[in-house]
Amino acid sequence: MKQESKHVVGKCFGSTVVGPRGQMVVPAEARKDLGINMGTKLLAFGQFHGKGLVLVKTEDVEELLNTMSHHLDEFSRLLRENKEADIDDEGN
């Protein structure tokens, strides 16, 4: 069986149990290392073909989306400039 890179899977902080009301406790080491405090909002994503759950701090997802948006705007600008250059080349 092929072993996945630690960078792909990430650090394992231990285990937790889902209680009767669907709640679970995030391991203390994970909370400390990742800056998760009382009131921290997390988004839950299904991963690993429906076999896993990934929690991401909302503030970090917003930052990621903002970064991606900036890069998409820049990419869009480069595409427009490239199309304009192609049109100019065809006209000559």
PDB file of N, CA and C in Angstrom:
ATOM      1  N   MET A   1       0.842  -1.186   0.000  1.00  0.00           N
ATOM      2  CA  MET A   1       0.000   0.000   0.000  1.00  0.00           C
ATOM      3  C   MET A   1       0.883   1.244   0.000  1.00  0.00           C
ATOM      4  N   LYS A   2       0.577   2.175  -0.869  1.00  0.00           N
ATOM      5  CA  LYS A   2       1.359   3.404  -0.990  1.00  0.00           C
ATOM      6  C   LYS A   2       1.098   4.316   0.204  1.00  0.00           C
ATOM      7  N   GLN A   3       2.172   4.796   0.850  1.00  0.00           N
ATOM      8  CA  GLN A   3       2.037   5.695   1.991  1.00  0.00           C
ATOM      9  C   GLN A   3       1.928   7.130   1.503  1.00  0.00           C
ATOM     10  N   GLU A   4       0.947   7.852   2.014  1.00  0.00           N
ATOM     11  CA  GLU A   4       0.758   9.246   1.614  1.00  0.00           C
ATOM     12  C   GLU A   4       1.721  10.137   2.378  1.00  0.00           C
ATOM     13  N   SER A   5       2.097  11.235   1.749  1.00  0.00           N
ATOM     14  CA  SER A   5       2.987  12.210   2.359  1.00  0.00           C
ATOM     15  C   SER A   5       2.332  12.845   3.578  1.00  0.00           C
ATOM     16  N   LYS A   6       3.130  13.149   4.585  1.00  0.00           N
ATOM     17  CA  LYS A   6       2.625  13.828   5.781  1.00  0.00           C
ATOM     18  C   LYS A   6       2.008  15.172   5.410  1.00  0.00           C
ATOM     19  N   HIS A   7       2.527  15.814   4.363  1.00  0.00           N
ATOM     20  CA  HIS A   7       2.006  17.112   3.940  1.00  0.00           C
ATOM     21  C   HIS A   7       0.592  16.992   3.372  1.00  0.00           C
ATOM     22  N   VAL A   8       0.264  15.840   2.821  1.00  0.00           N
ATOM     23  CA  VAL A   8      -1.066  15.629   2.257  1.00  0.00           C
ATOM     24  C   VAL A   8      -2.062  15.335   3.367  1.00  0.00           C
ATOM     25  N   VAL A   9      -1.692  14.460   4.278  1.00  0.00           N
ATOM     26  CA  VAL A   9      -2.600  14.029   5.339  1.00  0.00           C
ATOM     27  C   VAL A   9      -2.574  14.990   6.513  1.00  0.00           C
ATOM     28  N   GLY A  10      -1.421  15.487   6.874  1.00  0.00           N
ATOM     29  CA  GLY A  10      -1.304  16.394   8.010  1.00  0.00           C
ATOM     30  C   GLY A  10      -0.959  15.665   9.289  1.00  0.00           C
ATOM     31  N   LYS A  11      -0.822  16.411  10.350  1.00  0.00           N
ATOM     32  CA  LYS A  11      -0.450  15.869  11.657  1.00  0.00           C
ATOM     33  C   LYS A  11      -1.667  15.256  12.337  1.00  0.00           C
ATOM     34  N   CYS A  12      -1.488  14.096  12.920  1.00  0.00           N
ATOM     35  CA  CYS A  12      -2.561  13.462  13.691  1.00  0.00           C
ATOM     36  C   CYS A  12      -2.454  13.918  15.141  1.00  0.00           C
ATOM     37  N   PHE A  13      -3.520  14.518  15.654  1.00  0.00           N
ATOM     38  CA  PHE A  13      -3.523  15.027  17.027  1.00  0.00           C
ATOM     39  C   PHE A  13      -4.133  14.035  18.016  1.00  0.00           C
ATOM     40  N   GLY A  14      -4.534  12.891  17.572  1.00  0.00           N
ATOM     41  CA  GLY A  14      -5.162  11.914  18.449  1.00  0.00           C
ATOM     42  C   GLY A  14      -6.565  11.610  17.970  1.00  0.00           C
ATOM     43  N   SER A  15      -7.376  11.107  18.874  1.00  0.00           N
ATOM     44  CA  SER A  15      -8.730  10.733  18.486  1.00  0.00           C
ATOM     45  C   SER A  15      -9.753  11.450  19.356  1.00  0.00           C
ATOM     46  N   THR A  16     -10.987  11.408  18.904  1.00  0.00           N
ATOM     47  CA  THR A  16     -12.101  11.983  19.636  1.00  0.00           C
ATOM     48  C   THR A  16     -13.314  11.101  19.380  1.00  0.00           C
ATOM     49  N   VAL A  17     -14.318  11.239  20.200  1.00  0.00           N
ATOM     50  CA  VAL A  17     -15.532  10.432  20.068  1.00  0.00           C
ATOM     51  C   VAL A  17     -16.713  11.363  19.879  1.00  0.00           C
ATOM     52  N   VAL A  18     -17.583  11.009  18.959  1.00  0.00           N
ATOM     53  CA  VAL A  18     -18.802  11.778  18.745  1.00  0.00           C
ATOM     54  C   VAL A  18     -19.811  11.331  19.795  1.00  0.00           C
ATOM     55  N   GLY A  19     -20.329  12.304  20.550  1.00  0.00           N
ATOM     56  CA  GLY A  19     -21.303  12.009  21.600  1.00  0.00           C
ATOM     57  C   GLY A  19     -22.707  11.846  21.057  1.00  0.00           C
ATOM     58  N   PRO A  20     -23.653  11.545  21.941  1.00  0.00           N
ATOM     59  CA  PRO A  20     -25.030  11.291  21.516  1.00  0.00           C
ATOM     60  C   PRO A  20     -25.700  12.481  20.835  1.00  0.00           C
ATOM     61  N   ARG A  21     -25.248  13.681  21.112  1.00  0.00           N
ATOM     62  CA  ARG A  21     -25.828  14.871  20.476  1.00  0.00           C
ATOM     63  C   ARG A  21     -25.007  15.340  19.277  1.00  0.00           C
ATOM     64  N   GLY A  22     -24.080  14.492  18.803  1.00  0.00           N
ATOM     65  CA  GLY A  22     -23.279  14.829  17.636  1.00  0.00           C
ATOM     66  C   GLY A  22     -22.089  15.720  17.947  1.00  0.00           C
ATOM     67  N   GLN A  23     -21.816  15.957  19.211  1.00  0.00           N
ATOM     68  CA  GLN A  23     -20.703  16.826  19.584  1.00  0.00           C
ATOM     69  C   GLN A  23     -19.430  16.012  19.778  1.00  0.00           C
ATOM     70  N   MET A  24     -18.298  16.672  19.585  1.00  0.00           N
ATOM     71  CA  MET A  24     -17.004  16.043  19.851  1.00  0.00           C
ATOM     72  C   MET A  24     -16.058  17.071  20.438  1.00  0.00           C
ATOM     73  N   VAL A  25     -15.017  16.582  21.077  1.00  0.00           N
ATOM     74  CA  VAL A  25     -14.007  17.448  21.679  1.00  0.00           C
ATOM     75  C   VAL A  25     -12.785  17.453  20.776  1.00  0.00           C
ATOM     76  N   VAL A  26     -12.305  18.655  20.422  1.00  0.00           N
ATOM     77  CA  VAL A  26     -11.071  18.788  19.649  1.00  0.00           C
ATOM     78  C   VAL A  26      -9.915  18.595  20.620  1.00  0.00           C
ATOM     79  N   PRO A  27      -8.985  17.679  20.331  1.00  0.00           N
ATOM     80  CA  PRO A  27      -7.873  17.429  21.256  1.00  0.00           C
ATOM     81  C   PRO A  27      -7.133  18.717  21.638  1.00  0.00           C
ATOM     82  N   ALA A  28      -6.717  18.784  22.895  1.00  0.00           N
ATOM     83  CA  ALA A  28      -6.065  19.988  23.440  1.00  0.00           C
ATOM     84  C   ALA A  28      -4.845  20.402  22.625  1.00  0.00           C
ATOM     85  N   GLU A  29      -4.020  19.441  22.204  1.00  0.00           N
ATOM     86  CA  GLU A  29      -2.821  19.776  21.428  1.00  0.00           C
ATOM     87  C   GLU A  29      -3.201  20.433  20.100  1.00  0.00           C
ATOM     88  N   ALA A  30      -4.275  19.945  19.475  1.00  0.00           N
ATOM     89  CA  ALA A  30      -4.737  20.534  18.213  1.00  0.00           C
ATOM     90  C   ALA A  30      -5.203  21.961  18.447  1.00  0.00           C
ATOM     91  N   ARG A  31      -5.977  22.175  19.512  1.00  0.00           N
ATOM     92  CA  ARG A  31      -6.462  23.532  19.811  1.00  0.00           C
ATOM     93  C   ARG A  31      -5.290  24.477  20.041  1.00  0.00           C
ATOM     94  N   LYS A  32      -4.291  24.016  20.774  1.00  0.00           N
ATOM     95  CA  LYS A  32      -3.133  24.866  21.067  1.00  0.00           C
ATOM     96  C   LYS A  32      -2.329  25.153  19.800  1.00  0.00           C
ATOM     97  N   ASP A  33      -1.976  24.112  19.053  1.00  0.00           N
ATOM     98  CA  ASP A  33      -1.142  24.273  17.857  1.00  0.00           C
ATOM     99  C   ASP A  33      -1.829  25.091  16.765  1.00  0.00           C
ATOM    100  N   LEU A  34      -3.148  24.953  16.664  1.00  0.00           N
ATOM    101  CA  LEU A  34      -3.880  25.587  15.571  1.00  0.00           C
ATOM    102  C   LEU A  34      -4.596  26.873  15.971  1.00  0.00           C
ATOM    103  N   GLY A  35      -4.464  27.263  17.229  1.00  0.00           N
ATOM    104  CA  GLY A  35      -5.095  28.507  17.674  1.00  0.00           C
ATOM    105  C   GLY A  35      -6.611  28.437  17.678  1.00  0.00           C
ATOM    106  N   ILE A  36      -7.137  27.295  18.072  1.00  0.00           N
ATOM    107  CA  ILE A  36      -8.583  27.125  18.160  1.00  0.00           C
ATOM    108  C   ILE A  36      -8.989  27.361  19.606  1.00  0.00           C
ATOM    109  N   ASN A  37      -9.784  28.384  19.828  1.00  0.00           N
ATOM    110  CA  ASN A  37     -10.221  28.757  21.172  1.00  0.00           C
ATOM    111  C   ASN A  37     -11.742  28.696  21.245  1.00  0.00           C
ATOM    112  N   MET A  38     -12.264  28.845  22.459  1.00  0.00           N
ATOM    113  CA  MET A  38     -13.710  28.871  22.616  1.00  0.00           C
ATOM    114  C   MET A  38     -14.280  29.977  21.722  1.00  0.00           C
ATOM    115  N   GLY A  39     -15.280  29.650  20.939  1.00  0.00           N
ATOM    116  CA  GLY A  39     -15.896  30.623  20.044  1.00  0.00           C
ATOM    117  C   GLY A  39     -15.323  30.633  18.636  1.00  0.00           C
ATOM    118  N   THR A  40     -14.206  29.928  18.418  1.00  0.00           N
ATOM    119  CA  THR A  40     -13.643  29.845  17.070  1.00  0.00           C
ATOM    120  C   THR A  40     -14.634  29.132  16.165  1.00  0.00           C
ATOM    121  N   LYS A  41     -14.944  29.736  15.022  1.00  0.00           N
ATOM    122  CA  LYS A  41     -15.873  29.116  14.082  1.00  0.00           C
ATOM    123  C   LYS A  41     -15.098  28.243  13.105  1.00  0.00           C
ATOM    124  N   LEU A  42     -15.626  27.056  12.882  1.00  0.00           N
ATOM    125  CA  LEU A  42     -14.999  26.103  11.980  1.00  0.00           C
ATOM    126  C   LEU A  42     -15.981  25.715  10.884  1.00  0.00           C
ATOM    127  N   LEU A  43     -15.466  25.535   9.672  1.00  0.00           N
ATOM    128  CA  LEU A  43     -16.255  24.975   8.583  1.00  0.00           C
ATOM    129  C   LEU A  43     -15.902  23.502   8.481  1.00  0.00           C
ATOM    130  N   ALA A  44     -16.890  22.669   8.231  1.00  0.00           N
ATOM    131  CA  ALA A  44     -16.681  21.229   8.130  1.00  0.00           C
ATOM    132  C   ALA A  44     -16.804  20.797   6.671  1.00  0.00           C
ATOM    133  N   PHE A  45     -15.785  20.097   6.171  1.00  0.00           N
ATOM    134  CA  PHE A  45     -15.758  19.610   4.798  1.00  0.00           C
ATOM    135  C   PHE A  45     -15.609  18.097   4.803  1.00  0.00           C
ATOM    136  N   GLY A  46     -16.417  17.411   4.006  1.00  0.00           N
ATOM    137  CA  GLY A  46     -16.238  15.972   3.817  1.00  0.00           C
ATOM    138  C   GLY A  46     -15.044  15.758   2.906  1.00  0.00           C
ATOM    139  N   GLN A  47     -14.212  14.795   3.231  1.00  0.00           N
ATOM    140  CA  GLN A  47     -13.015  14.499   2.451  1.00  0.00           C
ATOM    141  C   GLN A  47     -12.804  13.002   2.357  1.00  0.00           C
ATOM    142  N   PHE A  48     -11.800  12.616   1.608  1.00  0.00           N
ATOM    143  CA  PHE A  48     -11.389  11.217   1.481  1.00  0.00           C
ATOM    144  C   PHE A  48     -12.543  10.333   1.014  1.00  0.00           C
ATOM    145  N   HIS A  49     -13.240  10.824  -0.030  1.00  0.00           N
ATOM    146  CA  HIS A  49     -14.329  10.073  -0.661  1.00  0.00           C
ATOM    147  C   HIS A  49     -15.407   9.685   0.350  1.00  0.00           C
ATOM    148  N   GLY A  50     -15.774  10.635   1.199  1.00  0.00           N
ATOM    149  CA  GLY A  50     -16.852  10.402   2.159  1.00  0.00           C
ATOM    150  C   GLY A  50     -16.433   9.639   3.396  1.00  0.00           C
ATOM    151  N   LYS A  51     -15.143   9.453   3.586  1.00  0.00           N
ATOM    152  CA  LYS A  51     -14.661   8.677   4.733  1.00  0.00           C
ATOM    153  C   LYS A  51     -14.026   9.540   5.810  1.00  0.00           C
ATOM    154  N   GLY A  52     -14.038  10.858   5.613  1.00  0.00           N
ATOM    155  CA  GLY A  52     -13.387  11.719   6.575  1.00  0.00           C
ATOM    156  C   GLY A  52     -14.014  13.088   6.645  1.00  0.00           C
ATOM    157  N   LEU A  53     -13.601  13.821   7.642  1.00  0.00           N
ATOM    158  CA  LEU A  53     -14.105  15.162   7.900  1.00  0.00           C
ATOM    159  C   LEU A  53     -12.914  16.075   8.167  1.00  0.00           C
ATOM    160  N   VAL A  54     -12.908  17.231   7.518  1.00  0.00           N
ATOM    161  CA  VAL A  54     -11.850  18.214   7.724  1.00  0.00           C
ATOM    162  C   VAL A  54     -12.493  19.476   8.273  1.00  0.00           C
ATOM    163  N   LEU A  55     -11.936  19.995   9.354  1.00  0.00           N
ATOM    164  CA  LEU A  55     -12.417  21.234   9.966  1.00  0.00           C
ATOM    165  C   LEU A  55     -11.408  22.335   9.672  1.00  0.00           C
ATOM    166  N   VAL A  56     -11.900  23.482   9.219  1.00  0.00           N
ATOM    167  CA  VAL A  56     -11.025  24.605   8.881  1.00  0.00           C
ATOM    168  C   VAL A  56     -11.586  25.858   9.535  1.00  0.00           C
ATOM    169  N   LYS A  57     -10.696  26.644  10.156  1.00  0.00           N
ATOM    170  CA  LYS A  57     -11.145  27.885  10.780  1.00  0.00           C
ATOM    171  C   LYS A  57     -11.713  28.814   9.715  1.00  0.00           C
ATOM    172  N   THR A  58     -12.885  29.373   9.989  1.00  0.00           N
ATOM    173  CA  THR A  58     -13.570  30.251   9.047  1.00  0.00           C
ATOM    174  C   THR A  58     -12.669  31.396   8.611  1.00  0.00           C
ATOM    175  N   GLU A  59     -11.965  31.993   9.550  1.00  0.00           N
ATOM    176  CA  GLU A  59     -11.109  33.143   9.220  1.00  0.00           C
ATOM    177  C   GLU A  59     -10.025  32.755   8.220  1.00  0.00           C
ATOM    178  N   ASP A  60      -9.549  31.518   8.279  1.00  0.00           N
ATOM    179  CA  ASP A  60      -8.520  31.091   7.340  1.00  0.00           C
ATOM    180  C   ASP A  60      -9.106  30.802   5.969  1.00  0.00           C
ATOM    181  N   VAL A  61     -10.332  30.302   5.913  1.00  0.00           N
ATOM    182  CA  VAL A  61     -10.983  30.066   4.627  1.00  0.00           C
ATOM    183  C   VAL A  61     -11.222  31.399   3.937  1.00  0.00           C
ATOM    184  N   GLU A  62     -11.656  32.396   4.688  1.00  0.00           N
ATOM    185  CA  GLU A  62     -11.872  33.725   4.116  1.00  0.00           C
ATOM    186  C   GLU A  62     -10.574  34.279   3.539  1.00  0.00           C
ATOM    187  N   GLU A  63      -9.473  34.117   4.267  1.00  0.00           N
ATOM    188  CA  GLU A  63      -8.173  34.594   3.786  1.00  0.00           C
ATOM    189  C   GLU A  63      -7.762  33.848   2.519  1.00  0.00           C
ATOM    190  N   LEU A  64      -7.985  32.534   2.500  1.00  0.00           N
ATOM    191  CA  LEU A  64      -7.662  31.735   1.325  1.00  0.00           C
ATOM    192  C   LEU A  64      -8.483  32.189   0.122  1.00  0.00           C
ATOM    193  N   LEU A  65      -9.784  32.383   0.324  1.00  0.00           N
ATOM    194  CA  LEU A  65     -10.644  32.834  -0.771  1.00  0.00           C
ATOM    195  C   LEU A  65     -10.243  34.219  -1.267  1.00  0.00           C
ATOM    196  N   ASN A  66      -9.871  35.111  -0.352  1.00  0.00           N
ATOM    197  CA  ASN A  66      -9.427  36.445  -0.753  1.00  0.00           C
ATOM    198  C   ASN A  66      -8.155  36.359  -1.591  1.00  0.00           C
ATOM    199  N   THR A  67      -7.227  35.504  -1.183  1.00  0.00           N
ATOM    200  CA  THR A  67      -5.985  35.320  -1.929  1.00  0.00           C
ATOM    201  C   THR A  67      -6.275  34.752  -3.309  1.00  0.00           C
ATOM    202  N   MET A  68      -7.144  33.733  -3.357  1.00  0.00           N
ATOM    203  CA  MET A  68      -7.499  33.135  -4.637  1.00  0.00           C
ATOM    204  C   MET A  68      -8.193  34.152  -5.537  1.00  0.00           C
ATOM    205  N   SER A  69      -9.076  34.953  -4.971  1.00  0.00           N
ATOM    206  CA  SER A  69      -9.793  35.963  -5.736  1.00  0.00           C
ATOM    207  C   SER A  69      -8.817  36.960  -6.346  1.00  0.00           C
ATOM    208  N   HIS A  70      -7.854  37.391  -5.558  1.00  0.00           N
ATOM    209  CA  HIS A  70      -6.835  38.330  -6.049  1.00  0.00           C
ATOM    210  C   HIS A  70      -6.082  37.718  -7.231  1.00  0.00           C
ATOM    211  N   HIS A  71      -5.678  36.451  -7.083  1.00  0.00           N
ATOM    212  CA  HIS A  71      -4.932  35.797  -8.154  1.00  0.00           C
ATOM    213  C   HIS A  71      -5.809  35.578  -9.381  1.00  0.00           C
ATOM    214  N   LEU A  72      -7.098  35.289  -9.181  1.00  0.00           N
ATOM    215  CA  LEU A  72      -7.996  35.131 -10.324  1.00  0.00           C
ATOM    216  C   LEU A  72      -8.172  36.448 -11.061  1.00  0.00           C
ATOM    217  N   ASP A  73      -8.275  37.547 -10.315  1.00  0.00           N
ATOM    218  CA  ASP A  73      -8.372  38.857 -10.955  1.00  0.00           C
ATOM    219  C   ASP A  73      -7.121  39.140 -11.796  1.00  0.00           C
ATOM    220  N   GLU A  74      -5.969  38.801 -11.232  1.00  0.00           N
ATOM    221  CA  GLU A  74      -4.711  39.023 -11.953  1.00  0.00           C
ATOM    222  C   GLU A  74      -4.643  38.130 -13.194  1.00  0.00           C
ATOM    223  N   PHE A  75      -5.049  36.879 -13.056  1.00  0.00           N
ATOM    224  CA  PHE A  75      -5.059  35.943 -14.173  1.00  0.00           C
ATOM    225  C   PHE A  75      -6.009  36.430 -15.268  1.00  0.00           C
ATOM    226  N   SER A  76      -7.179  36.914 -14.871  1.00  0.00           N
ATOM    227  CA  SER A  76      -8.160  37.442 -15.817  1.00  0.00           C
ATOM    228  C   SER A  76      -7.574  38.625 -16.592  1.00  0.00           C
ATOM    229  N   ARG A  77      -6.872  39.501 -15.897  1.00  0.00           N
ATOM    230  CA  ARG A  77      -6.237  40.650 -16.537  1.00  0.00           C
ATOM    231  C   ARG A  77      -5.209  40.189 -17.568  1.00  0.00           C
ATOM    232  N   LEU A  78      -4.399  39.189 -17.207  1.00  0.00           N
ATOM    233  CA  LEU A  78      -3.391  38.679 -18.135  1.00  0.00           C
ATOM    234  C   LEU A  78      -4.042  38.046 -19.363  1.00  0.00           C
ATOM    235  N   LEU A  79      -5.151  37.340 -19.174  1.00  0.00           N
ATOM    236  CA  LEU A  79      -5.863  36.757 -20.312  1.00  0.00           C
ATOM    237  C   LEU A  79      -6.388  37.836 -21.245  1.00  0.00           C
ATOM    238  N   ARG A  80      -6.972  38.903 -20.666  1.00  0.00           N
ATOM    239  CA  ARG A  80      -7.477  40.012 -21.485  1.00  0.00           C
ATOM    240  C   ARG A  80      -6.344  40.643 -22.291  1.00  0.00           C
ATOM    241  N   GLU A  81      -5.213  40.879 -21.638  1.00  0.00           N
ATOM    242  CA  GLU A  81      -4.075  41.486 -22.330  1.00  0.00           C
ATOM    243  C   GLU A  81      -3.577  40.573 -23.453  1.00  0.00           C
ATOM    244  N   ASN A  82      -3.580  39.272 -23.192  1.00  0.00           N
ATOM    245  CA  ASN A  82      -3.133  38.315 -24.201  1.00  0.00           C
ATOM    246  C   ASN A  82      -4.079  38.313 -25.396  1.00  0.00           C
ATOM    247  N   LYS A  83      -5.390  38.345 -25.143  1.00  0.00           N
ATOM    248  CA  LYS A  83      -6.366  38.383 -26.230  1.00  0.00           C
ATOM    249  C   LYS A  83      -6.226  39.671 -27.042  1.00  0.00           C
ATOM    250  N   GLU A  84      -6.006  40.786 -26.352  1.00  0.00           N
ATOM    251  CA  GLU A  84      -5.836  42.071 -27.043  1.00  0.00           C
ATOM    252  C   GLU A  84      -4.579  42.035 -27.923  1.00  0.00           C
ATOM    253  N   ALA A  85      -3.515  41.413 -27.412  1.00  0.00           N
ATOM    254  CA  ALA A  85      -2.288  41.304 -28.198  1.00  0.00           C
ATOM    255  C   ALA A  85      -2.512  40.418 -29.407  1.00  0.00           C
ATOM    256  N   ASP A  86      -3.287  39.346 -29.270  1.00  0.00           N
ATOM    257  CA  ASP A  86      -3.584  38.455 -30.398  1.00  0.00           C
ATOM    258  C   ASP A  86      -4.388  39.205 -31.465  1.00  0.00           C
ATOM    259  N   ILE A  87      -5.345  40.002 -31.030  1.00  0.00           N
ATOM    260  CA  ILE A  87      -6.160  40.785 -31.968  1.00  0.00           C
ATOM    261  C   ILE A  87      -5.286  41.783 -32.719  1.00  0.00           C
ATOM    262  N   ASP A  88      -4.387  42.453 -31.989  1.00  0.00           N
ATOM    263  CA  ASP A  88      -3.462  43.398 -32.627  1.00  0.00           C
ATOM    264  C   ASP A  88      -2.571  42.693 -33.644  1.00  0.00           C
ATOM    265  N   ASP A  89      -2.081  41.480 -33.305  1.00  0.00           N
ATOM    266  CA  ASP A  89      -1.225  40.724 -34.218  1.00  0.00           C
ATOM    267  C   ASP A  89      -1.979  40.323 -35.485  1.00  0.00           C
ATOM    268  N   GLU A  90      -3.248  39.968 -35.334  1.00  0.00           N
ATOM    269  CA  GLU A  90      -4.054  39.564 -36.489  1.00  0.00           C
ATOM    270  C   GLU A  90      -4.343  40.766 -37.392  1.00  0.00           C
ATOM    271  N   GLY A  91      -4.437  41.937 -36.814  1.00  0.00           N
ATOM    272  CA  GLY A  91      -4.738  43.140 -37.588  1.00  0.00           C
ATOM    273  C   GLY A  91      -3.563  43.640 -38.389  1.00  0.00           C
ATOM    274  N   ASN A  92      -2.355  43.232 -38.039  1.00  0.00           N
ATOM    275  CA  ASN A  92      -1.154  43.708 -38.747  1.00  0.00           C
ATOM    276  C   ASN A  92      -0.791  42.864 -39.892  1.00  0.00           C
TER     277      ASN A  92
END
